[in-house]
Amino acid sequence: ARGVDVLLSEFRWVWVPVLALACFTAWLRRSMRVGAT
């Protein structure tokens, strides 16, 4: 149960923000490339 609590903590404080930033950056990079053509 302690391990599950740790994973939920990491999901909240690391996974969600890091993946959101990565996806937003990838989307922005692709949008800029499409807009440039």
PDB file of all heavy atoms in Angstrom:
ATOM      1  N   ALA A   1       0.840  -1.198   0.000  1.00  0.00           N
ATOM      2  CA  ALA A   1       0.000   0.000   0.000  1.00  0.00           C
ATOM      3  C   ALA A   1       0.874   1.247   0.000  1.00  0.00           C
ATOM      4  O   ALA A   1       0.556   2.242  -0.661  1.00  0.00           O
ATOM      5  CB  ALA A   1      -0.923  -0.008   1.218  1.00  0.00           C
ATOM      6  N   ARG A   2       1.986   1.195   0.699  1.00  0.00           N
ATOM      7  CA  ARG A   2       2.919   2.333   0.723  1.00  0.00           C
ATOM      8  C   ARG A   2       3.482   2.590  -0.676  1.00  0.00           C
ATOM      9  O   ARG A   2       3.615   3.723  -1.105  1.00  0.00           O
ATOM     10  CB  ARG A   2       4.061   2.033   1.710  1.00  0.00           C
ATOM     11  CG  ARG A   2       5.175   3.046   1.677  1.00  0.00           C
ATOM     12  CD  ARG A   2       4.961   4.158   2.674  1.00  0.00           C
ATOM     13  NE  ARG A   2       6.126   5.013   2.658  1.00  0.00           N
ATOM     14  CZ  ARG A   2       6.135   6.213   2.084  1.00  0.00           C
ATOM     15  NH1 ARG A   2       5.058   6.688   1.522  1.00  0.00           N
ATOM     16  NH2 ARG A   2       7.217   6.951   2.102  1.00  0.00           N
ATOM     17  N   GLY A   3       3.807   1.523  -1.403  1.00  0.00           N
ATOM     18  CA  GLY A   3       4.306   1.654  -2.770  1.00  0.00           C
ATOM     19  C   GLY A   3       3.278   2.315  -3.680  1.00  0.00           C
ATOM     20  O   GLY A   3       3.632   3.140  -4.531  1.00  0.00           O
ATOM     21  N   VAL A   4       2.014   1.984  -3.494  1.00  0.00           N
ATOM     22  CA  VAL A   4       0.941   2.604  -4.291  1.00  0.00           C
ATOM     23  C   VAL A   4       0.857   4.096  -3.977  1.00  0.00           C
ATOM     24  O   VAL A   4       0.715   4.924  -4.881  1.00  0.00           O
ATOM     25  CB  VAL A   4      -0.409   1.903  -4.043  1.00  0.00           C
ATOM     26  CG1 VAL A   4      -1.560   2.673  -4.669  1.00  0.00           C
ATOM     27  CG2 VAL A   4      -0.365   0.474  -4.565  1.00  0.00           C
ATOM     28  N   ASP A   5       0.970   4.442  -2.699  1.00  0.00           N
ATOM     29  CA  ASP A   5       0.952   5.859  -2.310  1.00  0.00           C
ATOM     30  C   ASP A   5       2.102   6.623  -2.975  1.00  0.00           C
ATOM     31  O   ASP A   5       1.932   7.749  -3.431  1.00  0.00           O
ATOM     32  CB  ASP A   5       1.060   6.016  -0.789  1.00  0.00           C
ATOM     33  CG  ASP A   5      -0.208   5.605  -0.070  1.00  0.00           C
ATOM     34  OD1 ASP A   5      -1.270   5.504  -0.730  1.00  0.00           O
ATOM     35  OD2 ASP A   5      -0.132   5.365   1.158  1.00  0.00           O
ATOM     36  N   VAL A   6       3.272   5.998  -3.024  1.00  0.00           N
ATOM     37  CA  VAL A   6       4.437   6.623  -3.650  1.00  0.00           C
ATOM     38  C   VAL A   6       4.178   6.842  -5.141  1.00  0.00           C
ATOM     39  O   VAL A   6       4.434   7.922  -5.681  1.00  0.00           O
ATOM     40  CB  VAL A   6       5.706   5.768  -3.433  1.00  0.00           C
ATOM     41  CG1 VAL A   6       6.850   6.236  -4.322  1.00  0.00           C
ATOM     42  CG2 VAL A   6       6.116   5.812  -1.973  1.00  0.00           C
ATOM     43  N   LEU A   7       3.668   5.819  -5.811  1.00  0.00           N
ATOM     44  CA  LEU A   7       3.384   5.945  -7.245  1.00  0.00           C
ATOM     45  C   LEU A   7       2.356   7.032  -7.517  1.00  0.00           C
ATOM     46  O   LEU A   7       2.504   7.801  -8.476  1.00  0.00           O
ATOM     47  CB  LEU A   7       2.917   4.603  -7.815  1.00  0.00           C
ATOM     48  CG  LEU A   7       3.992   3.534  -7.898  1.00  0.00           C
ATOM     49  CD1 LEU A   7       3.388   2.202  -8.319  1.00  0.00           C
ATOM     50  CD2 LEU A   7       5.104   3.945  -8.857  1.00  0.00           C
ATOM     51  N   LEU A   8       1.342   7.138  -6.682  1.00  0.00           N
ATOM     52  CA  LEU A   8       0.342   8.209  -6.854  1.00  0.00           C
ATOM     53  C   LEU A   8       0.968   9.580  -6.635  1.00  0.00           C
ATOM     54  O   LEU A   8       0.661  10.536  -7.353  1.00  0.00           O
ATOM     55  CB  LEU A   8      -0.839   7.989  -5.904  1.00  0.00           C
ATOM     56  CG  LEU A   8      -1.726   6.791  -6.235  1.00  0.00           C
ATOM     57  CD1 LEU A   8      -2.762   6.570  -5.124  1.00  0.00           C
ATOM     58  CD2 LEU A   8      -2.407   6.963  -7.580  1.00  0.00           C
ATOM     59  N   SER A   9       1.861   9.681  -5.665  1.00  0.00           N
ATOM     60  CA  SER A   9       2.563  10.934  -5.412  1.00  0.00           C
ATOM     61  C   SER A   9       3.423  11.316  -6.616  1.00  0.00           C
ATOM     62  O   SER A   9       3.417  12.471  -7.068  1.00  0.00           O
ATOM     63  CB  SER A   9       3.438  10.786  -4.161  1.00  0.00           C
ATOM     64  OG  SER A   9       4.307  11.872  -4.002  1.00  0.00           O
ATOM     65  N   GLU A  10       4.157  10.351  -7.157  1.00  0.00           N
ATOM     66  CA  GLU A  10       4.993  10.618  -8.328  1.00  0.00           C
ATOM     67  C   GLU A  10       4.142  10.974  -9.543  1.00  0.00           C
ATOM     68  O   GLU A  10       4.514  11.849 -10.322  1.00  0.00           O
ATOM     69  CB  GLU A  10       5.861   9.404  -8.646  1.00  0.00           C
ATOM     70  CG  GLU A  10       6.932   9.176  -7.618  1.00  0.00           C
ATOM     71  CD  GLU A  10       7.768   7.949  -7.906  1.00  0.00           C
ATOM     72  OE1 GLU A  10       7.641   7.354  -8.994  1.00  0.00           O
ATOM     73  OE2 GLU A  10       8.575   7.598  -7.029  1.00  0.00           O
ATOM     74  N   PHE A  11       3.024  10.292  -9.688  1.00  0.00           N
ATOM     75  CA  PHE A  11       2.129  10.591 -10.804  1.00  0.00           C
ATOM     76  C   PHE A  11       1.668  12.043 -10.720  1.00  0.00           C
ATOM     77  O   PHE A  11       1.711  12.781 -11.703  1.00  0.00           O
ATOM     78  CB  PHE A  11       0.934   9.629 -10.790  1.00  0.00           C
ATOM     79  CG  PHE A  11       0.017   9.787 -11.964  1.00  0.00           C
ATOM     80  CD1 PHE A  11       0.377   9.305 -13.209  1.00  0.00           C
ATOM     81  CD2 PHE A  11      -1.209  10.418 -11.827  1.00  0.00           C
ATOM     82  CE1 PHE A  11      -0.455   9.451 -14.307  1.00  0.00           C
ATOM     83  CE2 PHE A  11      -2.052  10.570 -12.904  1.00  0.00           C
ATOM     84  CZ  PHE A  11      -1.676  10.086 -14.153  1.00  0.00           C
ATOM     85  N   ARG A  12       1.278  12.462  -9.546  1.00  0.00           N
ATOM     86  CA  ARG A  12       0.764  13.831  -9.347  1.00  0.00           C
ATOM     87  C   ARG A  12       1.834  14.893  -9.531  1.00  0.00           C
ATOM     88  O   ARG A  12       1.624  15.895 -10.208  1.00  0.00           O
ATOM     89  CB  ARG A  12       0.161  13.939  -7.948  1.00  0.00           C
ATOM     90  CG  ARG A  12      -0.297  15.318  -7.598  1.00  0.00           C
ATOM     91  CD  ARG A  12      -0.830  15.368  -6.190  1.00  0.00           C
ATOM     92  NE  ARG A  12      -1.319  16.700  -5.879  1.00  0.00           N
ATOM     93  CZ  ARG A  12      -1.616  17.081  -4.666  1.00  0.00           C
ATOM     94  NH1 ARG A  12      -1.514  16.249  -3.659  1.00  0.00           N
ATOM     95  NH2 ARG A  12      -2.042  18.297  -4.457  1.00  0.00           N
ATOM     96  N   TRP A  13       3.007  14.674  -8.915  1.00  0.00           N
ATOM     97  CA  TRP A  13       4.016  15.726  -8.861  1.00  0.00           C
ATOM     98  C   TRP A  13       5.060  15.667  -9.966  1.00  0.00           C
ATOM     99  O   TRP A  13       5.752  16.661 -10.197  1.00  0.00           O
ATOM    100  CB  TRP A  13       4.717  15.716  -7.495  1.00  0.00           C
ATOM    101  CG  TRP A  13       3.792  16.060  -6.391  1.00  0.00           C
ATOM    102  CD1 TRP A  13       3.304  15.229  -5.434  1.00  0.00           C
ATOM    103  CD2 TRP A  13       3.208  17.337  -6.130  1.00  0.00           C
ATOM    104  NE1 TRP A  13       2.455  15.902  -4.598  1.00  0.00           N
ATOM    105  CE2 TRP A  13       2.379  17.201  -5.000  1.00  0.00           C
ATOM    106  CE3 TRP A  13       3.297  18.585  -6.746  1.00  0.00           C
ATOM    107  CZ2 TRP A  13       1.665  18.266  -4.470  1.00  0.00           C
ATOM    108  CZ3 TRP A  13       2.575  19.650  -6.216  1.00  0.00           C
ATOM    109  CH2 TRP A  13       1.771  19.479  -5.095  1.00  0.00           C
ATOM    110  N   VAL A  14       5.181  14.517 -10.650  1.00  0.00           N
ATOM    111  CA  VAL A  14       6.200  14.402 -11.696  1.00  0.00           C
ATOM    112  C   VAL A  14       5.578  14.023 -13.041  1.00  0.00           C
ATOM    113  O   VAL A  14       5.733  14.750 -14.018  1.00  0.00           O
ATOM    114  CB  VAL A  14       7.299  13.375 -11.311  1.00  0.00           C
ATOM    115  CG1 VAL A  14       8.384  13.327 -12.379  1.00  0.00           C
ATOM    116  CG2 VAL A  14       7.902  13.706  -9.952  1.00  0.00           C
ATOM    117  N   TRP A  15       4.898  12.890 -13.102  1.00  0.00           N
ATOM    118  CA  TRP A  15       4.406  12.376 -14.373  1.00  0.00           C
ATOM    119  C   TRP A  15       3.452  13.340 -15.076  1.00  0.00           C
ATOM    120  O   TRP A  15       3.638  13.635 -16.261  1.00  0.00           O
ATOM    121  CB  TRP A  15       3.734  11.011 -14.189  1.00  0.00           C
ATOM    122  CG  TRP A  15       4.717   9.922 -13.971  1.00  0.00           C
ATOM    123  CD1 TRP A  15       5.420   9.665 -12.817  1.00  0.00           C
ATOM    124  CD2 TRP A  15       5.147   8.951 -14.916  1.00  0.00           C
ATOM    125  NE1 TRP A  15       6.250   8.585 -12.995  1.00  0.00           N
ATOM    126  CE2 TRP A  15       6.094   8.118 -14.275  1.00  0.00           C
ATOM    127  CE3 TRP A  15       4.812   8.691 -16.241  1.00  0.00           C
ATOM    128  CZ2 TRP A  15       6.711   7.063 -14.924  1.00  0.00           C
ATOM    129  CZ3 TRP A  15       5.421   7.626 -16.876  1.00  0.00           C
ATOM    130  CH2 TRP A  15       6.363   6.831 -16.224  1.00  0.00           C
ATOM    131  N   VAL A  16       2.441  13.816 -14.385  1.00  0.00           N
ATOM    132  CA  VAL A  16       1.460  14.703 -15.035  1.00  0.00           C
ATOM    133  C   VAL A  16       2.118  15.980 -15.545  1.00  0.00           C
ATOM    134  O   VAL A  16       1.992  16.314 -16.725  1.00  0.00           O
ATOM    135  CB  VAL A  16       0.253  14.994 -14.108  1.00  0.00           C
ATOM    136  CG1 VAL A  16      -0.624  16.093 -14.671  1.00  0.00           C
ATOM    137  CG2 VAL A  16      -0.554  13.714 -13.890  1.00  0.00           C
ATOM    138  N   PRO A  17       2.872  16.716 -14.712  1.00  0.00           N
ATOM    139  CA  PRO A  17       3.482  17.941 -15.240  1.00  0.00           C
ATOM    140  C   PRO A  17       4.522  17.696 -16.326  1.00  0.00           C
ATOM    141  O   PRO A  17       4.563  18.419 -17.320  1.00  0.00           O
ATOM    142  CB  PRO A  17       4.120  18.615 -14.020  1.00  0.00           C
ATOM    143  CG  PRO A  17       3.841  17.779 -12.849  1.00  0.00           C
ATOM    144  CD  PRO A  17       3.078  16.576 -13.269  1.00  0.00           C
ATOM    145  N   VAL A  18       5.356  16.670 -16.173  1.00  0.00           N
ATOM    146  CA  VAL A  18       6.411  16.405 -17.154  1.00  0.00           C
ATOM    147  C   VAL A  18       5.807  15.965 -18.484  1.00  0.00           C
ATOM    148  O   VAL A  18       6.206  16.443 -19.553  1.00  0.00           O
ATOM    149  CB  VAL A  18       7.419  15.363 -16.609  1.00  0.00           C
ATOM    150  CG1 VAL A  18       8.312  14.824 -17.704  1.00  0.00           C
ATOM    151  CG2 VAL A  18       8.257  15.987 -15.497  1.00  0.00           C
ATOM    152  N   LEU A  19       4.848  15.053 -18.437  1.00  0.00           N
ATOM    153  CA  LEU A  19       4.223  14.604 -19.688  1.00  0.00           C
ATOM    154  C   LEU A  19       3.411  15.716 -20.343  1.00  0.00           C
ATOM    155  O   LEU A  19       3.406  15.838 -21.568  1.00  0.00           O
ATOM    156  CB  LEU A  19       3.369  13.361 -19.451  1.00  0.00           C
ATOM    157  CG  LEU A  19       4.165  12.095 -19.139  1.00  0.00           C
ATOM    158  CD1 LEU A  19       3.232  10.935 -18.812  1.00  0.00           C
ATOM    159  CD2 LEU A  19       5.107  11.739 -20.271  1.00  0.00           C
ATOM    160  N   ALA A  20       2.737  16.536 -19.552  1.00  0.00           N
ATOM    161  CA  ALA A  20       1.992  17.671 -20.118  1.00  0.00           C
ATOM    162  C   ALA A  20       2.950  18.636 -20.819  1.00  0.00           C
ATOM    163  O   ALA A  20       2.679  19.090 -21.940  1.00  0.00           O
ATOM    164  CB  ALA A  20       1.210  18.391 -19.023  1.00  0.00           C
ATOM    165  N   LEU A  21       4.066  18.941 -20.185  1.00  0.00           N
ATOM    166  CA  LEU A  21       5.053  19.834 -20.791  1.00  0.00           C
ATOM    167  C   LEU A  21       5.657  19.215 -22.057  1.00  0.00           C
ATOM    168  O   LEU A  21       5.804  19.897 -23.074  1.00  0.00           O
ATOM    169  CB  LEU A  21       6.156  20.177 -19.791  1.00  0.00           C
ATOM    170  CG  LEU A  21       7.244  21.117 -20.283  1.00  0.00           C
ATOM    171  CD1 LEU A  21       6.655  22.478 -20.676  1.00  0.00           C
ATOM    172  CD2 LEU A  21       8.312  21.301 -19.211  1.00  0.00           C
ATOM    173  N   ALA A  22       5.967  17.924 -22.009  1.00  0.00           N
ATOM    174  CA  ALA A  22       6.540  17.248 -23.179  1.00  0.00           C
ATOM    175  C   ALA A  22       5.550  17.241 -24.341  1.00  0.00           C
ATOM    176  O   ALA A  22       5.923  17.536 -25.483  1.00  0.00           O
ATOM    177  CB  ALA A  22       6.942  15.819 -22.818  1.00  0.00           C
ATOM    178  N   CYS A  23       4.299  16.912 -24.053  1.00  0.00           N
ATOM    179  CA  CYS A  23       3.285  16.872 -25.118  1.00  0.00           C
ATOM    180  C   CYS A  23       3.029  18.267 -25.682  1.00  0.00           C
ATOM    181  O   CYS A  23       2.919  18.434 -26.904  1.00  0.00           O
ATOM    182  CB  CYS A  23       1.993  16.243 -24.603  1.00  0.00           C
ATOM    183  SG  CYS A  23       2.159  14.477 -24.290  1.00  0.00           S
ATOM    184  N   PHE A  24       2.956  19.266 -24.821  1.00  0.00           N
ATOM    185  CA  PHE A  24       2.753  20.637 -25.288  1.00  0.00           C
ATOM    186  C   PHE A  24       3.919  21.092 -26.153  1.00  0.00           C
ATOM    187  O   PHE A  24       3.727  21.687 -27.212  1.00  0.00           O
ATOM    188  CB  PHE A  24       2.553  21.595 -24.107  1.00  0.00           C
ATOM    189  CG  PHE A  24       2.454  23.027 -24.533  1.00  0.00           C
ATOM    190  CD1 PHE A  24       1.299  23.496 -25.138  1.00  0.00           C
ATOM    191  CD2 PHE A  24       3.523  23.899 -24.347  1.00  0.00           C
ATOM    192  CE1 PHE A  24       1.205  24.824 -25.558  1.00  0.00           C
ATOM    193  CE2 PHE A  24       3.439  25.214 -24.755  1.00  0.00           C
ATOM    194  CZ  PHE A  24       2.275  25.685 -25.361  1.00  0.00           C
ATOM    195  N   THR A  25       5.140  20.793 -25.722  1.00  0.00           N
ATOM    196  CA  THR A  25       6.322  21.180 -26.492  1.00  0.00           C
ATOM    197  C   THR A  25       6.357  20.469 -27.842  1.00  0.00           C
ATOM    198  O   THR A  25       6.663  21.087 -28.869  1.00  0.00           O
ATOM    199  CB  THR A  25       7.604  20.884 -25.689  1.00  0.00           C
ATOM    200  OG1 THR A  25       7.514  21.555 -24.427  1.00  0.00           O
ATOM    201  CG2 THR A  25       8.848  21.352 -26.413  1.00  0.00           C
ATOM    202  N   ALA A  26       6.031  19.176 -27.849  1.00  0.00           N
ATOM    203  CA  ALA A  26       5.990  18.431 -29.115  1.00  0.00           C
ATOM    204  C   ALA A  26       4.923  19.006 -30.041  1.00  0.00           C
ATOM    205  O   ALA A  26       5.151  19.173 -31.243  1.00  0.00           O
ATOM    206  CB  ALA A  26       5.725  16.951 -28.846  1.00  0.00           C
ATOM    207  N   TRP A  27       3.761  19.328 -29.486  1.00  0.00           N
ATOM    208  CA  TRP A  27       2.684  19.921 -30.283  1.00  0.00           C
ATOM    209  C   TRP A  27       3.120  21.275 -30.843  1.00  0.00           C
ATOM    210  O   TRP A  27       2.907  21.567 -32.020  1.00  0.00           O
ATOM    211  CB  TRP A  27       1.422  20.077 -29.428  1.00  0.00           C
ATOM    212  CG  TRP A  27       0.353  20.845 -30.116  1.00  0.00           C
ATOM    213  CD1 TRP A  27      -0.542  20.379 -31.034  1.00  0.00           C
ATOM    214  CD2 TRP A  27       0.079  22.237 -29.961  1.00  0.00           C
ATOM    215  NE1 TRP A  27      -1.361  21.397 -31.460  1.00  0.00           N
ATOM    216  CE2 TRP A  27      -1.008  22.554 -30.814  1.00  0.00           C
ATOM    217  CE3 TRP A  27       0.635  23.258 -29.182  1.00  0.00           C
ATOM    218  CZ2 TRP A  27      -1.529  23.831 -30.914  1.00  0.00           C
ATOM    219  CZ3 TRP A  27       0.103  24.521 -29.274  1.00  0.00           C
ATOM    220  CH2 TRP A  27      -0.958  24.803 -30.133  1.00  0.00           C
ATOM    221  N   LEU A  28       3.736  22.092 -30.012  1.00  0.00           N
ATOM    222  CA  LEU A  28       4.201  23.408 -30.434  1.00  0.00           C
ATOM    223  C   LEU A  28       5.256  23.281 -31.532  1.00  0.00           C
ATOM    224  O   LEU A  28       5.213  24.002 -32.534  1.00  0.00           O
ATOM    225  CB  LEU A  28       4.764  24.159 -29.224  1.00  0.00           C
ATOM    226  CG  LEU A  28       5.055  25.629 -29.379  1.00  0.00           C
ATOM    227  CD1 LEU A  28       3.778  26.391 -29.703  1.00  0.00           C
ATOM    228  CD2 LEU A  28       5.663  26.167 -28.089  1.00  0.00           C
ATOM    229  N   ARG A  29       6.197  22.348 -31.365  1.00  0.00           N
ATOM    230  CA  ARG A  29       7.245  22.120 -32.361  1.00  0.00           C
ATOM    231  C   ARG A  29       6.624  21.716 -33.700  1.00  0.00           C
ATOM    232  O   ARG A  29       6.992  22.246 -34.740  1.00  0.00           O
ATOM    233  CB  ARG A  29       8.199  21.040 -31.848  1.00  0.00           C
ATOM    234  CG  ARG A  29       9.344  20.727 -32.771  1.00  0.00           C
ATOM    235  CD  ARG A  29      10.325  19.731 -32.152  1.00  0.00           C
ATOM    236  NE  ARG A  29       9.726  18.615 -31.450  1.00  0.00           N
ATOM    237  CZ  ARG A  29       9.271  17.499 -32.053  1.00  0.00           C
ATOM    238  NH1 ARG A  29       9.341  17.365 -33.340  1.00  0.00           N
ATOM    239  NH2 ARG A  29       8.764  16.524 -31.333  1.00  0.00           N
ATOM    240  N   ARG A  30       5.668  20.819 -33.667  1.00  0.00           N
ATOM    241  CA  ARG A  30       5.011  20.380 -34.912  1.00  0.00           C
ATOM    242  C   ARG A  30       4.190  21.503 -35.531  1.00  0.00           C
ATOM    243  O   ARG A  30       4.175  21.678 -36.754  1.00  0.00           O
ATOM    244  CB  ARG A  30       4.127  19.170 -34.638  1.00  0.00           C
ATOM    245  CG  ARG A  30       4.921  17.910 -34.422  1.00  0.00           C
ATOM    246  CD  ARG A  30       4.037  16.679 -34.302  1.00  0.00           C
ATOM    247  NE  ARG A  30       4.824  15.560 -33.842  1.00  0.00           N
ATOM    248  CZ  ARG A  30       4.763  15.053 -32.627  1.00  0.00           C
ATOM    249  NH1 ARG A  30       3.922  15.535 -31.743  1.00  0.00           N
ATOM    250  NH2 ARG A  30       5.527  14.039 -32.280  1.00  0.00           N
ATOM    251  N   SER A  31       3.517  22.278 -34.700  1.00  0.00           N
ATOM    252  CA  SER A  31       2.706  23.395 -35.199  1.00  0.00           C
ATOM    253  C   SER A  31       3.578  24.431 -35.890  1.00  0.00           C
ATOM    254  O   SER A  31       3.209  24.973 -36.940  1.00  0.00           O
ATOM    255  CB  SER A  31       1.935  24.055 -34.062  1.00  0.00           C
ATOM    256  OG  SER A  31       1.020  23.178 -33.503  1.00  0.00           O
ATOM    257  N   MET A  32       4.723  24.712 -35.313  1.00  0.00           N
ATOM    258  CA  MET A  32       5.636  25.698 -35.915  1.00  0.00           C
ATOM    259  C   MET A  32       6.188  25.172 -37.234  1.00  0.00           C
ATOM    260  O   MET A  32       6.350  25.939 -38.172  1.00  0.00           O
ATOM    261  CB  MET A  32       6.757  26.031 -34.937  1.00  0.00           C
ATOM    262  CG  MET A  32       6.264  26.824 -33.734  1.00  0.00           C
ATOM    263  SD  MET A  32       7.496  27.061 -32.447  1.00  0.00           S
ATOM    264  CE  MET A  32       8.696  28.040 -33.310  1.00  0.00           C
ATOM    265  N   ARG A  33       6.463  23.856 -37.289  1.00  0.00           N
ATOM    266  CA  ARG A  33       6.980  23.277 -38.533  1.00  0.00           C
ATOM    267  C   ARG A  33       5.908  23.308 -39.616  1.00  0.00           C
ATOM    268  O   ARG A  33       6.191  23.648 -40.761  1.00  0.00           O
ATOM    269  CB  ARG A  33       7.446  21.843 -38.279  1.00  0.00           C
ATOM    270  CG  ARG A  33       8.136  21.227 -39.463  1.00  0.00           C
ATOM    271  CD  ARG A  33       8.739  19.880 -39.158  1.00  0.00           C
ATOM    272  NE  ARG A  33       7.764  19.018 -38.522  1.00  0.00           N
ATOM    273  CZ  ARG A  33       8.031  18.124 -37.588  1.00  0.00           C
ATOM    274  NH1 ARG A  33       9.257  17.985 -37.150  1.00  0.00           N
ATOM    275  NH2 ARG A  33       7.091  17.383 -37.056  1.00  0.00           N
ATOM    276  N   VAL A  34       4.655  22.983 -39.289  1.00  0.00           N
ATOM    277  CA  VAL A  34       3.559  23.010 -40.254  1.00  0.00           C
ATOM    278  C   VAL A  34       3.287  24.439 -40.685  1.00  0.00           C
ATOM    279  O   VAL A  34       3.067  24.709 -41.881  1.00  0.00           O
ATOM    280  CB  VAL A  34       2.294  22.357 -39.645  1.00  0.00           C
ATOM    281  CG1 VAL A  34       1.080  22.613 -40.519  1.00  0.00           C
ATOM    282  CG2 VAL A  34       2.510  20.871 -39.442  1.00  0.00           C
ATOM    283  N   GLY A  35       3.328  25.385 -39.762  1.00  0.00           N
ATOM    284  CA  GLY A  35       3.094  26.787 -40.090  1.00  0.00           C
ATOM    285  C   GLY A  35       4.165  27.384 -40.982  1.00  0.00           C
ATOM    286  O   GLY A  35       3.933  28.328 -41.726  1.00  0.00           O
ATOM    287  N   ALA A  36       5.380  26.828 -40.914  1.00  0.00           N
ATOM    288  CA  ALA A  36       6.495  27.332 -41.703  1.00  0.00           C
ATOM    289  C   ALA A  36       6.426  26.865 -43.165  1.00  0.00           C
ATOM    290  O   ALA A  36       7.089  27.404 -44.015  1.00  0.00           O
ATOM    291  CB  ALA A  36       7.819  26.916 -41.091  1.00  0.00           C
ATOM    292  N   THR A  37       5.633  25.819 -43.419  1.00  0.00           N
ATOM    293  CA  THR A  37       5.546  25.306 -44.798  1.00  0.00           C
ATOM    294  C   THR A  37       4.379  25.888 -45.566  1.00  0.00           C
ATOM    295  O   THR A  37       3.564  26.576 -45.153  1.00  0.00           O
ATOM    296  CB  THR A  37       5.397  23.767 -44.816  1.00  0.00           C
ATOM    297  OG1 THR A  37       4.266  23.391 -44.044  1.00  0.00           O
ATOM    298  CG2 THR A  37       6.656  23.131 -44.319  1.00  0.00           C
TER     299      THR A  37
END
